[in-house]
Amino acid sequence: SADGYFRIYFWDTGMGGTQVDYENIIQYKKGQKTNSIEIAWDDGRKIPSYDTIYTLKKDKRTYYLAIYTAKMSSHEFIHGVQVFSN
């Protein structure tokens, strides 16, 4: 993110053939501490790659809108937004 408090790292695992499999790690700062967690979707969806993060501040909260793409086949892609908040 532009403020440096939220990051998503992703990489291609090399698995999945035409359905590229990614691993994702979220890193965020809370106070003086930096935390990291793995993104995992348990419902069978493909793990996406994230390419843009927008920051939205409302009242005392900050929202991070992460734009993602998941490649389902050589012709099918899913695009979406996942919202994270502090």
PDB file of N, CA and C in Angstrom:
ATOM      1  N   SER A   1       0.841  -1.191   0.000  1.00  0.00           N
ATOM      2  CA  SER A   1       0.000   0.000   0.000  1.00  0.00           C
ATOM      3  C   SER A   1       0.878   1.243   0.000  1.00  0.00           C
ATOM      4  N   ALA A   2       0.301   2.335  -0.387  1.00  0.00           N
ATOM      5  CA  ALA A   2       1.050   3.586  -0.461  1.00  0.00           C
ATOM      6  C   ALA A   2       1.565   4.034   0.907  1.00  0.00           C
ATOM      7  N   ASP A   3       0.832   3.695   1.974  1.00  0.00           N
ATOM      8  CA  ASP A   3       1.261   4.118   3.306  1.00  0.00           C
ATOM      9  C   ASP A   3       2.312   3.192   3.926  1.00  0.00           C
ATOM     10  N   GLY A   4       2.604   2.054   3.269  1.00  0.00           N
ATOM     11  CA  GLY A   4       3.625   1.134   3.745  1.00  0.00           C
ATOM     12  C   GLY A   4       3.198   0.229   4.887  1.00  0.00           C
ATOM     13  N   TYR A   5       1.924   0.268   5.270  1.00  0.00           N
ATOM     14  CA  TYR A   5       1.440  -0.536   6.389  1.00  0.00           C
ATOM     15  C   TYR A   5       0.865  -1.892   5.976  1.00  0.00           C
ATOM     16  N   PHE A   6       0.659  -2.099   4.681  1.00  0.00           N
ATOM     17  CA  PHE A   6       0.017  -3.333   4.212  1.00  0.00           C
ATOM     18  C   PHE A   6       0.681  -3.774   2.911  1.00  0.00           C
ATOM     19  N   ARG A   7       1.103  -5.043   2.863  1.00  0.00           N
ATOM     20  CA  ARG A   7       1.738  -5.588   1.667  1.00  0.00           C
ATOM     21  C   ARG A   7       1.241  -7.007   1.430  1.00  0.00           C
ATOM     22  N   ILE A   8       1.201  -7.379   0.163  1.00  0.00           N
ATOM     23  CA  ILE A   8       0.906  -8.761  -0.197  1.00  0.00           C
ATOM     24  C   ILE A   8       2.027  -9.241  -1.103  1.00  0.00           C
ATOM     25  N   TYR A   9       2.668 -10.320  -0.695  1.00  0.00           N
ATOM     26  CA  TYR A   9       3.696 -10.955  -1.511  1.00  0.00           C
ATOM     27  C   TYR A   9       3.082 -12.205  -2.123  1.00  0.00           C
ATOM     28  N   PHE A  10       3.340 -12.445  -3.401  1.00  0.00           N
ATOM     29  CA  PHE A  10       2.822 -13.642  -4.034  1.00  0.00           C
ATOM     30  C   PHE A  10       3.845 -14.192  -5.019  1.00  0.00           C
ATOM     31  N   TRP A  11       3.762 -15.498  -5.244  1.00  0.00           N
ATOM     32  CA  TRP A  11       4.650 -16.137  -6.208  1.00  0.00           C
ATOM     33  C   TRP A  11       3.958 -17.357  -6.792  1.00  0.00           C
ATOM     34  N   ASP A  12       4.360 -17.699  -8.003  1.00  0.00           N
ATOM     35  CA  ASP A  12       3.854 -18.868  -8.708  1.00  0.00           C
ATOM     36  C   ASP A  12       4.548 -20.099  -8.132  1.00  0.00           C
ATOM     37  N   THR A  13       3.772 -21.080  -7.695  1.00  0.00           N
ATOM     38  CA  THR A  13       4.351 -22.286  -7.107  1.00  0.00           C
ATOM     39  C   THR A  13       4.900 -23.241  -8.162  1.00  0.00           C
ATOM     40  N   GLY A  14       4.569 -22.998  -9.439  1.00  0.00           N
ATOM     41  CA  GLY A  14       4.994 -23.902 -10.502  1.00  0.00           C
ATOM     42  C   GLY A  14       4.078 -25.104 -10.653  1.00  0.00           C
ATOM     43  N   MET A  15       3.027 -25.156  -9.879  1.00  0.00           N
ATOM     44  CA  MET A  15       2.061 -26.256  -9.931  1.00  0.00           C
ATOM     45  C   MET A  15       0.806 -25.769 -10.655  1.00  0.00           C
ATOM     46  N   GLY A  16       0.002 -26.683 -11.133  1.00  0.00           N
ATOM     47  CA  GLY A  16      -1.304 -26.306 -11.650  1.00  0.00           C
ATOM     48  C   GLY A  16      -1.431 -26.244 -13.157  1.00  0.00           C
ATOM     49  N   GLY A  17      -0.383 -26.381 -13.927  1.00  0.00           N
ATOM     50  CA  GLY A  17      -0.498 -26.356 -15.388  1.00  0.00           C
ATOM     51  C   GLY A  17      -1.048 -25.037 -15.883  1.00  0.00           C
ATOM     52  N   THR A  18      -2.156 -25.094 -16.670  1.00  0.00           N
ATOM     53  CA  THR A  18      -2.745 -23.848 -17.183  1.00  0.00           C
ATOM     54  C   THR A  18      -3.455 -23.066 -16.082  1.00  0.00           C
ATOM     55  N   GLN A  19      -3.782 -23.723 -14.969  1.00  0.00           N
ATOM     56  CA  GLN A  19      -4.369 -23.044 -13.813  1.00  0.00           C
ATOM     57  C   GLN A  19      -3.233 -22.735 -12.843  1.00  0.00           C
ATOM     58  N   VAL A  20      -2.658 -21.571 -12.994  1.00  0.00           N
ATOM     59  CA  VAL A  20      -1.490 -21.211 -12.197  1.00  0.00           C
ATOM     60  C   VAL A  20      -1.849 -21.175 -10.721  1.00  0.00           C
ATOM     61  N   ASP A  21      -1.031 -21.808  -9.886  1.00  0.00           N
ATOM     62  CA  ASP A  21      -1.225 -21.790  -8.440  1.00  0.00           C
ATOM     63  C   ASP A  21      -0.265 -20.791  -7.812  1.00  0.00           C
ATOM     64  N   TYR A  22      -0.810 -19.911  -7.002  1.00  0.00           N
ATOM     65  CA  TYR A  22      -0.007 -18.920  -6.305  1.00  0.00           C
ATOM     66  C   TYR A  22      -0.034 -19.180  -4.812  1.00  0.00           C
ATOM     67  N   GLU A  23       0.987 -18.734  -4.144  1.00  0.00           N
ATOM     68  CA  GLU A  23       1.020 -18.642  -2.686  1.00  0.00           C
ATOM     69  C   GLU A  23       1.039 -17.160  -2.360  1.00  0.00           C
ATOM     70  N   ASN A  24       0.369 -16.777  -1.288  1.00  0.00           N
ATOM     71  CA  ASN A  24       0.294 -15.371  -0.896  1.00  0.00           C
ATOM     72  C   ASN A  24       0.604 -15.220   0.589  1.00  0.00           C
ATOM     73  N   ILE A  25       1.370 -14.207   0.906  1.00  0.00           N
ATOM     74  CA  ILE A  25       1.643 -13.840   2.284  1.00  0.00           C
ATOM     75  C   ILE A  25       1.253 -12.372   2.457  1.00  0.00           C
ATOM     76  N   ILE A  26       0.433 -12.102   3.458  1.00  0.00           N
ATOM     77  CA  ILE A  26       0.080 -10.725   3.808  1.00  0.00           C
ATOM     78  C   ILE A  26       1.011 -10.283   4.920  1.00  0.00           C
ATOM     79  N   GLN A  27       1.517  -9.070   4.782  1.00  0.00           N
ATOM     80  CA  GLN A  27       2.333  -8.478   5.841  1.00  0.00           C
ATOM     81  C   GLN A  27       1.703  -7.135   6.197  1.00  0.00           C
ATOM     82  N   TYR A  28       1.472  -6.919   7.480  1.00  0.00           N
ATOM     83  CA  TYR A  28       0.874  -5.656   7.898  1.00  0.00           C
ATOM     84  C   TYR A  28       1.492  -5.184   9.202  1.00  0.00           C
ATOM     85  N   LYS A  29       1.480  -3.870   9.370  1.00  0.00           N
ATOM     86  CA  LYS A  29       2.014  -3.272  10.587  1.00  0.00           C
ATOM     87  C   LYS A  29       0.873  -2.876  11.499  1.00  0.00           C
ATOM     88  N   LYS A  30       1.030  -3.193  12.775  1.00  0.00           N
ATOM     89  CA  LYS A  30       0.073  -2.787  13.799  1.00  0.00           C
ATOM     90  C   LYS A  30       0.912  -2.234  14.938  1.00  0.00           C
ATOM     91  N   GLY A  31       0.852  -0.920  15.091  1.00  0.00           N
ATOM     92  CA  GLY A  31       1.734  -0.270  16.057  1.00  0.00           C
ATOM     93  C   GLY A  31       3.170  -0.388  15.590  1.00  0.00           C
ATOM     94  N   GLN A  32       4.039  -0.858  16.448  1.00  0.00           N
ATOM     95  CA  GLN A  32       5.449  -1.042  16.104  1.00  0.00           C
ATOM     96  C   GLN A  32       5.744  -2.452  15.575  1.00  0.00           C
ATOM     97  N   LYS A  33       4.752  -3.338  15.594  1.00  0.00           N
ATOM     98  CA  LYS A  33       4.957  -4.730  15.231  1.00  0.00           C
ATOM     99  C   LYS A  33       4.533  -5.003  13.783  1.00  0.00           C
ATOM    100  N   THR A  34       5.323  -5.811  13.078  1.00  0.00           N
ATOM    101  CA  THR A  34       4.976  -6.264  11.734  1.00  0.00           C
ATOM    102  C   THR A  34       4.538  -7.712  11.821  1.00  0.00           C
ATOM    103  N   ASN A  35       3.355  -8.018  11.287  1.00  0.00           N
ATOM    104  CA  ASN A  35       2.780  -9.364  11.320  1.00  0.00           C
ATOM    105  C   ASN A  35       2.699  -9.924   9.906  1.00  0.00           C
ATOM    106  N   SER A  36       2.768 -11.245   9.786  1.00  0.00           N
ATOM    107  CA  SER A  36       2.633 -11.912   8.493  1.00  0.00           C
ATOM    108  C   SER A  36       1.680 -13.082   8.642  1.00  0.00           C
ATOM    109  N   ILE A  37       0.793 -13.243   7.643  1.00  0.00           N
ATOM    110  CA  ILE A  37      -0.113 -14.395   7.614  1.00  0.00           C
ATOM    111  C   ILE A  37      -0.229 -14.891   6.178  1.00  0.00           C
ATOM    112  N   GLU A  38      -0.545 -16.161   6.039  1.00  0.00           N
ATOM    113  CA  GLU A  38      -0.750 -16.750   4.716  1.00  0.00           C
ATOM    114  C   GLU A  38      -2.214 -16.613   4.331  1.00  0.00           C
ATOM    115  N   ILE A  39      -2.468 -16.264   3.068  1.00  0.00           N
ATOM    116  CA  ILE A  39      -3.833 -16.229   2.560  1.00  0.00           C
ATOM    117  C   ILE A  39      -4.198 -17.640   2.123  1.00  0.00           C
ATOM    118  N   ALA A  40      -5.275 -18.173   2.652  1.00  0.00           N
ATOM    119  CA  ALA A  40      -5.733 -19.506   2.271  1.00  0.00           C
ATOM    120  C   ALA A  40      -7.249 -19.474   2.116  1.00  0.00           C
ATOM    121  N   TRP A  41      -7.724 -19.946   0.987  1.00  0.00           N
ATOM    122  CA  TRP A  41      -9.158 -20.046   0.762  1.00  0.00           C
ATOM    123  C   TRP A  41      -9.520 -21.508   0.855  1.00  0.00           C
ATOM    124  N   ASP A  42     -10.355 -21.874   1.796  1.00  0.00           N
ATOM    125  CA  ASP A  42     -10.680 -23.272   2.063  1.00  0.00           C
ATOM    126  C   ASP A  42     -11.839 -23.814   1.217  1.00  0.00           C
ATOM    127  N   ASP A  43     -12.427 -22.972   0.395  1.00  0.00           N
ATOM    128  CA  ASP A  43     -13.606 -23.425  -0.352  1.00  0.00           C
ATOM    129  C   ASP A  43     -13.284 -23.918  -1.766  1.00  0.00           C
ATOM    130  N   GLY A  44     -12.031 -24.178  -2.064  1.00  0.00           N
ATOM    131  CA  GLY A  44     -11.670 -24.723  -3.363  1.00  0.00           C
ATOM    132  C   GLY A  44     -11.353 -23.702  -4.431  1.00  0.00           C
ATOM    133  N   ARG A  45     -11.512 -22.413  -4.141  1.00  0.00           N
ATOM    134  CA  ARG A  45     -11.183 -21.399  -5.131  1.00  0.00           C
ATOM    135  C   ARG A  45      -9.679 -21.372  -5.373  1.00  0.00           C
ATOM    136  N   LYS A  46      -9.304 -20.939  -6.546  1.00  0.00           N
ATOM    137  CA  LYS A  46      -7.893 -20.788  -6.861  1.00  0.00           C
ATOM    138  C   LYS A  46      -7.331 -19.608  -6.061  1.00  0.00           C
ATOM    139  N   ILE A  47      -6.108 -19.748  -5.607  1.00  0.00           N
ATOM    140  CA  ILE A  47      -5.443 -18.643  -4.916  1.00  0.00           C
ATOM    141  C   ILE A  47      -5.027 -17.632  -5.972  1.00  0.00           C
ATOM    142  N   PRO A  48      -5.402 -16.370  -5.824  1.00  0.00           N
ATOM    143  CA  PRO A  48      -5.125 -15.371  -6.857  1.00  0.00           C
ATOM    144  C   PRO A  48      -3.763 -14.711  -6.685  1.00  0.00           C
ATOM    145  N   SER A  49      -3.423 -13.913  -7.677  1.00  0.00           N
ATOM    146  CA  SER A  49      -2.289 -13.004  -7.557  1.00  0.00           C
ATOM    147  C   SER A  49      -2.863 -11.598  -7.384  1.00  0.00           C
ATOM    148  N   TYR A  50      -2.240 -10.815  -6.569  1.00  0.00           N
ATOM    149  CA  TYR A  50      -2.687  -9.449  -6.287  1.00  0.00           C
ATOM    150  C   TYR A  50      -1.753  -8.484  -6.988  1.00  0.00           C
ATOM    151  N   ASP A  51      -2.318  -7.490  -7.692  1.00  0.00           N
ATOM    152  CA  ASP A  51      -1.438  -6.586  -8.421  1.00  0.00           C
ATOM    153  C   ASP A  51      -1.554  -5.118  -8.027  1.00  0.00           C
ATOM    154  N   THR A  52      -2.618  -4.732  -7.341  1.00  0.00           N
ATOM    155  CA  THR A  52      -2.792  -3.336  -6.952  1.00  0.00           C
ATOM    156  C   THR A  52      -3.470  -3.279  -5.591  1.00  0.00           C
ATOM    157  N   ILE A  53      -3.042  -2.339  -4.760  1.00  0.00           N
ATOM    158  CA  ILE A  53      -3.693  -2.113  -3.469  1.00  0.00           C
ATOM    159  C   ILE A  53      -4.062  -0.641  -3.376  1.00  0.00           C
ATOM    160  N   TYR A  54      -5.343  -0.372  -3.174  1.00  0.00           N
ATOM    161  CA  TYR A  54      -5.825   0.988  -2.964  1.00  0.00           C
ATOM    162  C   TYR A  54      -6.099   1.182  -1.476  1.00  0.00           C
ATOM    163  N   THR A  55      -5.862   2.377  -0.993  1.00  0.00           N
ATOM    164  CA  THR A  55      -6.075   2.695   0.415  1.00  0.00           C
ATOM    165  C   THR A  55      -7.255   3.645   0.536  1.00  0.00           C
ATOM    166  N   LEU A  56      -8.182   3.319   1.437  1.00  0.00           N
ATOM    167  CA  LEU A  56      -9.358   4.142   1.677  1.00  0.00           C
ATOM    168  C   LEU A  56      -9.457   4.387   3.176  1.00  0.00           C
ATOM    169  N   LYS A  57      -9.506   5.643   3.572  1.00  0.00           N
ATOM    170  CA  LYS A  57      -9.644   5.979   4.993  1.00  0.00           C
ATOM    171  C   LYS A  57     -11.046   6.516   5.246  1.00  0.00           C
ATOM    172  N   LYS A  58     -11.690   5.949   6.251  1.00  0.00           N
ATOM    173  CA  LYS A  58     -13.044   6.359   6.631  1.00  0.00           C
ATOM    174  C   LYS A  58     -13.096   6.410   8.139  1.00  0.00           C
ATOM    175  N   ASP A  59     -13.412   7.584   8.673  1.00  0.00           N
ATOM    176  CA  ASP A  59     -13.411   7.808  10.109  1.00  0.00           C
ATOM    177  C   ASP A  59     -12.033   7.440  10.661  1.00  0.00           C
ATOM    178  N   LYS A  60     -11.963   6.523  11.613  1.00  0.00           N
ATOM    179  CA  LYS A  60     -10.674   6.150  12.191  1.00  0.00           C
ATOM    180  C   LYS A  60     -10.126   4.842  11.630  1.00  0.00           C
ATOM    181  N   ARG A  61     -10.762   4.308  10.595  1.00  0.00           N
ATOM    182  CA  ARG A  61     -10.329   3.024  10.025  1.00  0.00           C
ATOM    183  C   ARG A  61      -9.665   3.228   8.672  1.00  0.00           C
ATOM    184  N   THR A  62      -8.763   2.326   8.356  1.00  0.00           N
ATOM    185  CA  THR A  62      -8.138   2.295   7.046  1.00  0.00           C
ATOM    186  C   THR A  62      -8.511   0.984   6.382  1.00  0.00           C
ATOM    187  N   TYR A  63      -8.977   1.074   5.147  1.00  0.00           N
ATOM    188  CA  TYR A  63      -9.350  -0.100   4.367  1.00  0.00           C
ATOM    189  C   TYR A  63      -8.371  -0.240   3.215  1.00  0.00           C
ATOM    190  N   TYR A  64      -7.955  -1.471   2.963  1.00  0.00           N
ATOM    191  CA  TYR A  64      -7.056  -1.767   1.856  1.00  0.00           C
ATOM    192  C   TYR A  64      -7.824  -2.611   0.850  1.00  0.00           C
ATOM    193  N   LEU A  65      -7.996  -2.081  -0.346  1.00  0.00           N
ATOM    194  CA  LEU A  65      -8.731  -2.762  -1.402  1.00  0.00           C
ATOM    195  C   LEU A  65      -7.703  -3.403  -2.331  1.00  0.00           C
ATOM    196  N   ALA A  66      -7.590  -4.719  -2.267  1.00  0.00           N
ATOM    197  CA  ALA A  66      -6.595  -5.452  -3.034  1.00  0.00           C
ATOM    198  C   ALA A  66      -7.245  -6.029  -4.290  1.00  0.00           C
ATOM    199  N   ILE A  67      -6.732  -5.653  -5.453  1.00  0.00           N
ATOM    200  CA  ILE A  67      -7.248  -6.111  -6.730  1.00  0.00           C
ATOM    201  C   ILE A  67      -6.534  -7.411  -7.096  1.00  0.00           C
ATOM    202  N   TYR A  68      -7.312  -8.451  -7.433  1.00  0.00           N
ATOM    203  CA  TYR A  68      -6.688  -9.736  -7.717  1.00  0.00           C
ATOM    204  C   TYR A  68      -7.147 -10.328  -9.046  1.00  0.00           C
ATOM    205  N   THR A  69      -6.350 -11.283  -9.530  1.00  0.00           N
ATOM    206  CA  THR A  69      -6.664 -12.062 -10.713  1.00  0.00           C
ATOM    207  C   THR A  69      -6.343 -13.516 -10.405  1.00  0.00           C
ATOM    208  N   ALA A  70      -7.233 -14.426 -10.773  1.00  0.00           N
ATOM    209  CA  ALA A  70      -6.977 -15.858 -10.667  1.00  0.00           C
ATOM    210  C   ALA A  70      -7.134 -16.447 -12.061  1.00  0.00           C
ATOM    211  N   LYS A  71      -6.126 -17.171 -12.518  1.00  0.00           N
ATOM    212  CA  LYS A  71      -6.175 -17.806 -13.829  1.00  0.00           C
ATOM    213  C   LYS A  71      -6.786 -19.188 -13.668  1.00  0.00           C
ATOM    214  N   MET A  72      -7.963 -19.396 -14.266  1.00  0.00           N
ATOM    215  CA  MET A  72      -8.683 -20.656 -14.126  1.00  0.00           C
ATOM    216  C   MET A  72      -8.319 -21.649 -15.226  1.00  0.00           C
ATOM    217  N   SER A  73      -7.974 -21.148 -16.405  1.00  0.00           N
ATOM    218  CA  SER A  73      -7.550 -21.981 -17.533  1.00  0.00           C
ATOM    219  C   SER A  73      -6.811 -21.060 -18.498  1.00  0.00           C
ATOM    220  N   SER A  74      -6.468 -21.578 -19.647  1.00  0.00           N
ATOM    221  CA  SER A  74      -5.758 -20.735 -20.613  1.00  0.00           C
ATOM    222  C   SER A  74      -6.650 -19.626 -21.174  1.00  0.00           C
ATOM    223  N   HIS A  75      -7.982 -19.734 -20.976  1.00  0.00           N
ATOM    224  CA  HIS A  75      -8.914 -18.731 -21.502  1.00  0.00           C
ATOM    225  C   HIS A  75      -9.778 -18.067 -20.436  1.00  0.00           C
ATOM    226  N   GLU A  76      -9.750 -18.548 -19.210  1.00  0.00           N
ATOM    227  CA  GLU A  76     -10.647 -18.031 -18.180  1.00  0.00           C
ATOM    228  C   GLU A  76      -9.866 -17.396 -17.030  1.00  0.00           C
ATOM    229  N   PHE A  77     -10.274 -16.181 -16.708  1.00  0.00           N
ATOM    230  CA  PHE A  77      -9.678 -15.451 -15.600  1.00  0.00           C
ATOM    231  C   PHE A  77     -10.784 -14.924 -14.697  1.00  0.00           C
ATOM    232  N   ILE A  78     -10.504 -14.819 -13.424  1.00  0.00           N
ATOM    233  CA  ILE A  78     -11.417 -14.182 -12.487  1.00  0.00           C
ATOM    234  C   ILE A  78     -10.704 -12.953 -11.937  1.00  0.00           C
ATOM    235  N   HIS A  79     -11.391 -11.827 -11.942  1.00  0.00           N
ATOM    236  CA  HIS A  79     -10.860 -10.583 -11.381  1.00  0.00           C
ATOM    237  C   HIS A  79     -11.772 -10.160 -10.242  1.00  0.00           C
ATOM    238  N   GLY A  80     -11.216  -9.592  -9.207  1.00  0.00           N
ATOM    239  CA  GLY A  80     -12.044  -9.158  -8.103  1.00  0.00           C
ATOM    240  C   GLY A  80     -11.311  -8.238  -7.152  1.00  0.00           C
ATOM    241  N   VAL A  81     -12.009  -7.896  -6.088  1.00  0.00           N
ATOM    242  CA  VAL A  81     -11.475  -7.021  -5.046  1.00  0.00           C
ATOM    243  C   VAL A  81     -11.661  -7.725  -3.711  1.00  0.00           C
ATOM    244  N   GLN A  82     -10.609  -7.760  -2.919  1.00  0.00           N
ATOM    245  CA  GLN A  82     -10.709  -8.273  -1.556  1.00  0.00           C
ATOM    246  C   GLN A  82     -10.381  -7.120  -0.623  1.00  0.00           C
ATOM    247  N   VAL A  83     -11.216  -6.912   0.386  1.00  0.00           N
ATOM    248  CA  VAL A  83     -11.060  -5.776   1.281  1.00  0.00           C
ATOM    249  C   VAL A  83     -10.471  -6.252   2.610  1.00  0.00           C
ATOM    250  N   PHE A  84      -9.431  -5.557   3.047  1.00  0.00           N
ATOM    251  CA  PHE A  84      -8.799  -5.802   4.336  1.00  0.00           C
ATOM    252  C   PHE A  84      -8.905  -4.521   5.138  1.00  0.00           C
ATOM    253  N   SER A  85      -8.918  -4.630   6.463  1.00  0.00           N
ATOM    254  CA  SER A  85      -9.055  -3.452   7.307  1.00  0.00           C
ATOM    255  C   SER A  85      -8.194  -3.592   8.560  1.00  0.00           C
ATOM    256  N   ASN A  86      -7.780  -2.445   9.076  1.00  0.00           N
ATOM    257  CA  ASN A  86      -6.996  -2.471  10.312  1.00  0.00           C
ATOM    258  C   ASN A  86      -7.894  -2.400  11.518  1.00  0.00           C
TER     259      ASN A  86
END
